[in-house]
Structures are given as structure tokens and as C-alpha cells.
């Protein structure tokens, strides 16, 4: 089976926190960092490519139900 690849345009926001630049994708909850803006964006691009990669499970997943307490 061959995976079809497509390009998708996403928006990022970059800001500086102390000595690091943080790049965050605005459409998907993925962020990365680097010592420069360019490095942060490059790391974000790699993280997004991994995020959108199809999973390749070696063991079938097990479905579980969890019950958690939340504030009302």
C-alpha cells in the first residue's frame, strides 16, 4: 500500500522565551523550540510531519474506558 502525500499550509506563531524561540502551529496543538527563529520553525516543521504521519502499530490497540472526576 502506497501512502499519498499532500502539502498543507499551516500558520505558526513564534515568540521568544528567555534564550529560546518557541514556534507553535495555530491549527494543530504542536509546538517546538530552537536557539533561532529559523531553528524553531525547522523543528516545528519536523514535529508537524511526525504528527501527521500515519501510525504503524505493531500490536493491535486495546480500547479502555476511563472515569475521571472533573469540576462541575
Protein backbone atom coordinates (compact mmCIF):
# COMPACT_ATOMS: atom_id res chain seq x y z
CA UNK A 1 0.00 0.00 0.00
CA UNK A 2 1.43 3.37 -1.02
CA UNK A 3 0.76 6.46 1.09
CA UNK A 4 -0.28 9.54 -0.85
CA UNK A 5 1.44 12.71 0.29
CA UNK A 6 -0.13 16.14 0.09
CA UNK A 7 1.02 19.58 1.10
CA UNK A 8 -0.94 21.57 3.63
CA UNK A 9 -0.35 25.21 4.61
CA UNK A 10 -0.37 25.85 8.35
CA UNK A 11 0.15 29.02 10.36
CA UNK A 12 2.73 29.39 13.09
CA UNK A 13 3.37 31.87 15.84
CA UNK A 14 6.95 32.45 17.03
CA UNK A 15 7.99 34.21 20.22
CA UNK A 16 11.00 34.34 22.49
CA UNK A 17 11.08 32.88 26.00
CA UNK A 18 14.35 33.63 27.75
CA UNK A 19 17.09 32.23 25.47
CA UNK A 20 14.79 30.12 23.25
CA UNK A 21 12.46 30.83 20.36
CA UNK A 22 9.17 28.92 20.54
CA UNK A 23 7.22 28.11 17.36
CA UNK A 24 3.62 26.95 17.71
CA UNK A 25 1.22 25.78 15.00
CA UNK A 26 -2.09 27.62 15.33
CA UNK A 27 -4.23 24.98 13.61
CA UNK A 28 -2.82 21.92 15.42
CA UNK A 29 -1.65 21.63 19.03
CA UNK A 30 2.04 21.16 18.15
CA UNK A 31 4.96 23.36 19.20
CA UNK A 32 8.75 23.25 19.14
CA UNK A 33 11.69 25.44 20.04
CA UNK A 34 15.16 26.43 18.88
CA UNK A 35 18.01 28.81 19.55
CA UNK A 36 17.00 30.89 16.49
CA UNK A 37 13.70 31.63 14.75
CA UNK A 38 14.83 29.53 11.79
CA UNK A 39 15.74 26.57 14.01
CA UNK A 40 12.43 26.79 15.89
CA UNK A 41 10.49 26.80 12.60
CA UNK A 42 12.55 23.93 11.20
CA UNK A 43 11.94 21.91 14.38
CA UNK A 44 8.22 22.75 14.20
CA UNK A 45 8.07 21.56 10.59
CA UNK A 46 9.67 18.24 11.58
CA UNK A 47 7.30 17.87 14.54
CA UNK A 48 4.28 18.55 12.31
CA UNK A 49 5.44 16.00 9.73
CA UNK A 50 5.71 13.41 12.52
CA UNK A 51 2.31 14.48 13.90
CA UNK A 52 0.60 13.84 10.55
CA UNK A 53 2.47 10.58 9.86
CA UNK A 54 0.14 7.59 9.75
CA UNK A 55 0.52 5.32 12.77
CA UNK A 56 2.09 1.95 12.20
CA UNK A 57 1.06 -0.24 15.13
CA UNK A 58 2.97 -3.46 15.71
CA UNK A 59 0.42 -4.62 18.27
CA UNK A 60 -3.33 -4.13 17.97
CA UNK A 61 -4.56 -1.28 20.19
CA UNK A 62 -6.60 -2.04 23.30
CA UNK A 63 -9.64 0.15 23.90
CA UNK A 64 -10.26 1.20 27.50
CA UNK A 65 -12.88 3.37 29.22
CA UNK A 66 -11.65 5.78 31.88
CA UNK A 67 -13.70 7.53 34.54
CA UNK A 68 -12.27 10.79 35.84
CA UNK A 69 -13.56 13.41 38.27
CA UNK A 70 -13.93 16.92 36.85
CA UNK A 71 -15.08 20.17 38.40
CA UNK A 72 -18.75 20.90 37.76
